[in-house]
Amino acid sequence: MTMRELSQLRYLRREIEREREELAERVRERPASAAHAAETAETCGRIAVRLEQHIAERDRLEAYIAAVPDSLTRQAFILRFSDGLSWR
């Protein structure tokens, strides 16, 4: 696992939330036409695929951190890579 990959964790969390919000917004929209309904369904499908990819990557990174044997190191990784705090 690289530092770059681990650094993506907090961004993935934000992106997942944004994707979920966008998906919920699309589902709430009332289509004005059949074409709009088809476009909304297609967009929802794309968002759902991206969301699944993001969740899988987030789970992979979180599993790596959870497997760190040292509790202090694990906590430092969570604070740094998940919560976005500096090393200081």
N, C-alpha and C. Protein backbone atom coordinates (compact mmCIF):
# COMPACT_ATOMS: atom_id res chain seq x y z
N MET A 1 0.86 -1.18 0.00
CA MET A 1 0.00 0.00 0.00
C MET A 1 0.91 1.23 0.00
N THR A 2 0.66 2.14 -0.91
CA THR A 2 1.48 3.34 -1.00
C THR A 2 0.85 4.49 -0.22
N MET A 3 1.65 5.48 0.08
CA MET A 3 1.15 6.68 0.78
C MET A 3 0.10 7.38 -0.08
N ARG A 4 0.31 7.35 -1.38
CA ARG A 4 -0.65 8.00 -2.29
C ARG A 4 -2.00 7.31 -2.21
N GLU A 5 -1.98 5.98 -2.21
CA GLU A 5 -3.24 5.24 -2.11
C GLU A 5 -3.95 5.54 -0.79
N LEU A 6 -3.19 5.53 0.29
CA LEU A 6 -3.77 5.81 1.60
C LEU A 6 -4.32 7.23 1.68
N SER A 7 -3.65 8.15 1.01
CA SER A 7 -4.09 9.55 1.03
C SER A 7 -5.43 9.73 0.32
N GLN A 8 -5.79 8.79 -0.52
CA GLN A 8 -7.05 8.88 -1.25
C GLN A 8 -8.26 8.58 -0.37
N LEU A 9 -8.04 8.00 0.80
CA LEU A 9 -9.14 7.55 1.63
C LEU A 9 -10.10 8.68 1.99
N ARG A 10 -9.58 9.79 2.45
CA ARG A 10 -10.49 10.88 2.85
C ARG A 10 -11.22 11.47 1.65
N TYR A 11 -10.54 11.52 0.51
CA TYR A 11 -11.19 12.03 -0.69
C TYR A 11 -12.28 11.07 -1.17
N LEU A 12 -12.02 9.78 -1.04
CA LEU A 12 -13.03 8.79 -1.41
C LEU A 12 -14.27 8.93 -0.53
N ARG A 13 -14.06 9.16 0.76
CA ARG A 13 -15.20 9.33 1.67
C ARG A 13 -16.06 10.52 1.22
N ARG A 14 -15.42 11.62 0.89
CA ARG A 14 -16.16 12.80 0.43
C ARG A 14 -16.86 12.53 -0.90
N GLU A 15 -16.15 11.86 -1.78
CA GLU A 15 -16.71 11.57 -3.10
C GLU A 15 -17.91 10.63 -2.99
N ILE A 16 -17.81 9.65 -2.10
CA ILE A 16 -18.93 8.73 -1.90
C ILE A 16 -20.15 9.49 -1.42
N GLU A 17 -19.95 10.38 -0.47
CA GLU A 17 -21.09 11.16 0.03
C GLU A 17 -21.71 12.00 -1.08
N ARG A 18 -20.86 12.63 -1.89
CA ARG A 18 -21.35 13.45 -3.00
C ARG A 18 -22.10 12.59 -4.02
N GLU A 19 -21.58 11.41 -4.30
CA GLU A 19 -22.24 10.50 -5.25
C GLU A 19 -23.60 10.08 -4.70
N ARG A 20 -23.66 9.77 -3.42
CA ARG A 20 -24.94 9.38 -2.81
C ARG A 20 -25.95 10.51 -2.89
N GLU A 21 -25.50 11.73 -2.62
CA GLU A 21 -26.40 12.88 -2.70
C GLU A 21 -26.91 13.08 -4.12
N GLU A 22 -26.01 12.96 -5.09
CA GLU A 22 -26.41 13.14 -6.48
C GLU A 22 -27.39 12.06 -6.91
N LEU A 23 -27.14 10.83 -6.47
CA LEU A 23 -28.04 9.73 -6.80
C LEU A 23 -29.42 9.97 -6.19
N ALA A 24 -29.46 10.39 -4.93
CA ALA A 24 -30.73 10.66 -4.28
C ALA A 24 -31.47 11.80 -4.96
N GLU A 25 -30.74 12.84 -5.37
CA GLU A 25 -31.35 13.97 -6.06
C GLU A 25 -31.96 13.53 -7.40
N ARG A 26 -31.23 12.70 -8.13
CA ARG A 26 -31.74 12.22 -9.42
C ARG A 26 -33.00 11.38 -9.25
N VAL A 27 -33.01 10.57 -8.19
CA VAL A 27 -34.17 9.72 -7.94
C VAL A 27 -35.39 10.56 -7.56
N ARG A 28 -35.17 11.66 -6.84
CA ARG A 28 -36.27 12.53 -6.41
C ARG A 28 -36.86 13.36 -7.55
N GLU A 29 -36.08 13.60 -8.60
CA GLU A 29 -36.57 14.42 -9.71
C GLU A 29 -37.80 13.80 -10.34
N ARG A 30 -38.69 14.63 -10.73
CA ARG A 30 -39.88 14.17 -11.44
C ARG A 30 -39.65 14.39 -12.93
N PRO A 31 -39.52 13.30 -13.67
CA PRO A 31 -39.24 13.45 -15.10
C PRO A 31 -40.41 14.10 -15.84
N ALA A 32 -40.06 15.06 -16.71
CA ALA A 32 -41.08 15.77 -17.50
C ALA A 32 -41.43 15.00 -18.76
N SER A 33 -40.55 14.11 -19.18
CA SER A 33 -40.79 13.36 -20.42
C SER A 33 -40.14 11.99 -20.32
N ALA A 34 -40.45 11.16 -21.28
CA ALA A 34 -39.85 9.82 -21.33
C ALA A 34 -38.34 9.94 -21.56
N ALA A 35 -37.94 10.92 -22.39
CA ALA A 35 -36.51 11.12 -22.66
C ALA A 35 -35.78 11.51 -21.38
N HIS A 36 -36.41 12.39 -20.60
CA HIS A 36 -35.81 12.82 -19.33
C HIS A 36 -35.72 11.65 -18.36
N ALA A 37 -36.75 10.81 -18.34
CA ALA A 37 -36.75 9.64 -17.46
C ALA A 37 -35.62 8.69 -17.86
N ALA A 38 -35.42 8.49 -19.17
CA ALA A 38 -34.36 7.61 -19.65
C ALA A 38 -32.99 8.17 -19.30
N GLU A 39 -32.83 9.48 -19.47
CA GLU A 39 -31.57 10.14 -19.12
C GLU A 39 -31.29 10.02 -17.63
N THR A 40 -32.31 10.22 -16.82
CA THR A 40 -32.16 10.11 -15.37
C THR A 40 -31.77 8.69 -14.98
N ALA A 41 -32.40 7.69 -15.60
CA ALA A 41 -32.08 6.30 -15.30
C ALA A 41 -30.64 5.98 -15.70
N GLU A 42 -30.21 6.49 -16.84
CA GLU A 42 -28.83 6.27 -17.28
C GLU A 42 -27.84 6.93 -16.32
N THR A 43 -28.13 8.15 -15.92
CA THR A 43 -27.26 8.87 -14.98
C THR A 43 -27.20 8.13 -13.66
N CYS A 44 -28.34 7.67 -13.17
CA CYS A 44 -28.38 6.92 -11.91
C CYS A 44 -27.53 5.66 -12.02
N GLY A 45 -27.57 5.00 -13.15
CA GLY A 45 -26.76 3.80 -13.37
C GLY A 45 -25.28 4.09 -13.31
N ARG A 46 -24.87 5.17 -13.98
CA ARG A 46 -23.45 5.56 -13.95
C ARG A 46 -23.01 5.91 -12.54
N ILE A 47 -23.84 6.67 -11.84
CA ILE A 47 -23.50 7.07 -10.47
C ILE A 47 -23.39 5.83 -9.58
N ALA A 48 -24.31 4.90 -9.72
CA ALA A 48 -24.30 3.69 -8.91
C ALA A 48 -23.03 2.87 -9.14
N VAL A 49 -22.58 2.79 -10.40
CA VAL A 49 -21.35 2.06 -10.70
C VAL A 49 -20.15 2.75 -10.04
N ARG A 50 -20.05 4.07 -10.19
CA ARG A 50 -18.96 4.82 -9.56
C ARG A 50 -19.00 4.66 -8.04
N LEU A 51 -20.18 4.72 -7.48
CA LEU A 51 -20.34 4.59 -6.04
C LEU A 51 -19.83 3.23 -5.57
N GLU A 52 -20.17 2.18 -6.29
CA GLU A 52 -19.69 0.84 -5.93
C GLU A 52 -18.17 0.76 -6.00
N GLN A 53 -17.58 1.38 -7.03
CA GLN A 53 -16.12 1.38 -7.17
C GLN A 53 -15.48 2.13 -6.00
N HIS A 54 -16.04 3.28 -5.65
CA HIS A 54 -15.48 4.07 -4.55
C HIS A 54 -15.58 3.32 -3.23
N ILE A 55 -16.71 2.69 -3.00
CA ILE A 55 -16.90 1.96 -1.76
C ILE A 55 -15.92 0.79 -1.67
N ALA A 56 -15.72 0.08 -2.77
CA ALA A 56 -14.77 -1.03 -2.79
C ALA A 56 -13.36 -0.55 -2.47
N GLU A 57 -12.96 0.57 -3.07
CA GLU A 57 -11.62 1.13 -2.81
C GLU A 57 -11.51 1.60 -1.36
N ARG A 58 -12.53 2.27 -0.86
CA ARG A 58 -12.52 2.72 0.53
C ARG A 58 -12.40 1.52 1.47
N ASP A 59 -13.16 0.47 1.20
CA ASP A 59 -13.10 -0.73 2.04
C ASP A 59 -11.72 -1.36 2.02
N ARG A 60 -11.09 -1.36 0.85
CA ARG A 60 -9.73 -1.92 0.73
C ARG A 60 -8.74 -1.14 1.59
N LEU A 61 -8.82 0.18 1.52
CA LEU A 61 -7.91 1.03 2.30
C LEU A 61 -8.18 0.89 3.79
N GLU A 62 -9.46 0.87 4.18
CA GLU A 62 -9.79 0.73 5.59
C GLU A 62 -9.36 -0.63 6.12
N ALA A 63 -9.46 -1.67 5.31
CA ALA A 63 -9.02 -3.00 5.72
C ALA A 63 -7.51 -3.02 5.94
N TYR A 64 -6.77 -2.34 5.09
CA TYR A 64 -5.32 -2.27 5.25
C TYR A 64 -4.98 -1.61 6.58
N ILE A 65 -5.62 -0.48 6.87
CA ILE A 65 -5.35 0.22 8.12
C ILE A 65 -5.75 -0.64 9.32
N ALA A 66 -6.89 -1.31 9.22
CA ALA A 66 -7.35 -2.16 10.32
C ALA A 66 -6.40 -3.31 10.60
N ALA A 67 -5.65 -3.74 9.58
CA ALA A 67 -4.72 -4.86 9.73
C ALA A 67 -3.37 -4.44 10.32
N VAL A 68 -3.14 -3.16 10.50
CA VAL A 68 -1.89 -2.70 11.10
C VAL A 68 -1.86 -3.22 12.54
N PRO A 69 -0.81 -3.96 12.90
CA PRO A 69 -0.81 -4.61 14.22
C PRO A 69 -0.64 -3.66 15.41
N ASP A 70 0.05 -2.57 15.21
CA ASP A 70 0.31 -1.64 16.30
C ASP A 70 -0.84 -0.64 16.45
N SER A 71 -1.43 -0.58 17.62
CA SER A 71 -2.59 0.28 17.86
C SER A 71 -2.27 1.75 17.64
N LEU A 72 -1.14 2.22 18.12
CA LEU A 72 -0.78 3.62 17.97
C LEU A 72 -0.61 3.99 16.50
N THR A 73 0.06 3.13 15.75
CA THR A 73 0.24 3.37 14.31
C THR A 73 -1.10 3.37 13.60
N ARG A 74 -1.95 2.42 13.96
CA ARG A 74 -3.29 2.34 13.36
C ARG A 74 -4.06 3.63 13.62
N GLN A 75 -4.02 4.12 14.86
CA GLN A 75 -4.71 5.37 15.20
C GLN A 75 -4.13 6.55 14.43
N ALA A 76 -2.81 6.58 14.31
CA ALA A 76 -2.17 7.66 13.55
C ALA A 76 -2.59 7.62 12.09
N PHE A 77 -2.67 6.42 11.51
CA PHE A 77 -3.12 6.28 10.12
C PHE A 77 -4.56 6.76 9.96
N ILE A 78 -5.41 6.41 10.90
CA ILE A 78 -6.81 6.84 10.82
C ILE A 78 -6.89 8.36 10.89
N LEU A 79 -6.17 8.96 11.83
CA LEU A 79 -6.21 10.42 11.96
C LEU A 79 -5.63 11.11 10.72
N ARG A 80 -4.58 10.54 10.16
CA ARG A 80 -3.94 11.17 9.01
C ARG A 80 -4.72 10.93 7.72
N PHE A 81 -5.00 9.67 7.44
CA PHE A 81 -5.54 9.34 6.12
C PHE A 81 -7.06 9.38 6.05
N SER A 82 -7.72 9.15 7.14
CA SER A 82 -9.18 9.18 7.13
C SER A 82 -9.71 10.55 7.53
N ASP A 83 -9.14 11.10 8.58
CA ASP A 83 -9.62 12.39 9.09
C ASP A 83 -8.90 13.59 8.49
N GLY A 84 -7.78 13.35 7.81
CA GLY A 84 -7.08 14.42 7.10
C GLY A 84 -6.21 15.31 7.97
N LEU A 85 -5.87 14.87 9.15
CA LEU A 85 -5.02 15.67 10.02
C LEU A 85 -3.55 15.56 9.56
N SER A 86 -2.73 16.53 9.96
CA SER A 86 -1.32 16.49 9.60
C SER A 86 -0.59 15.50 10.50
N TRP A 87 0.66 15.18 10.13
CA TRP A 87 1.44 14.26 10.96
C TRP A 87 1.75 14.88 12.31
N ARG A 88 1.80 16.17 12.38
CA ARG A 88 2.08 16.82 13.66
C ARG A 88 0.95 16.59 14.59
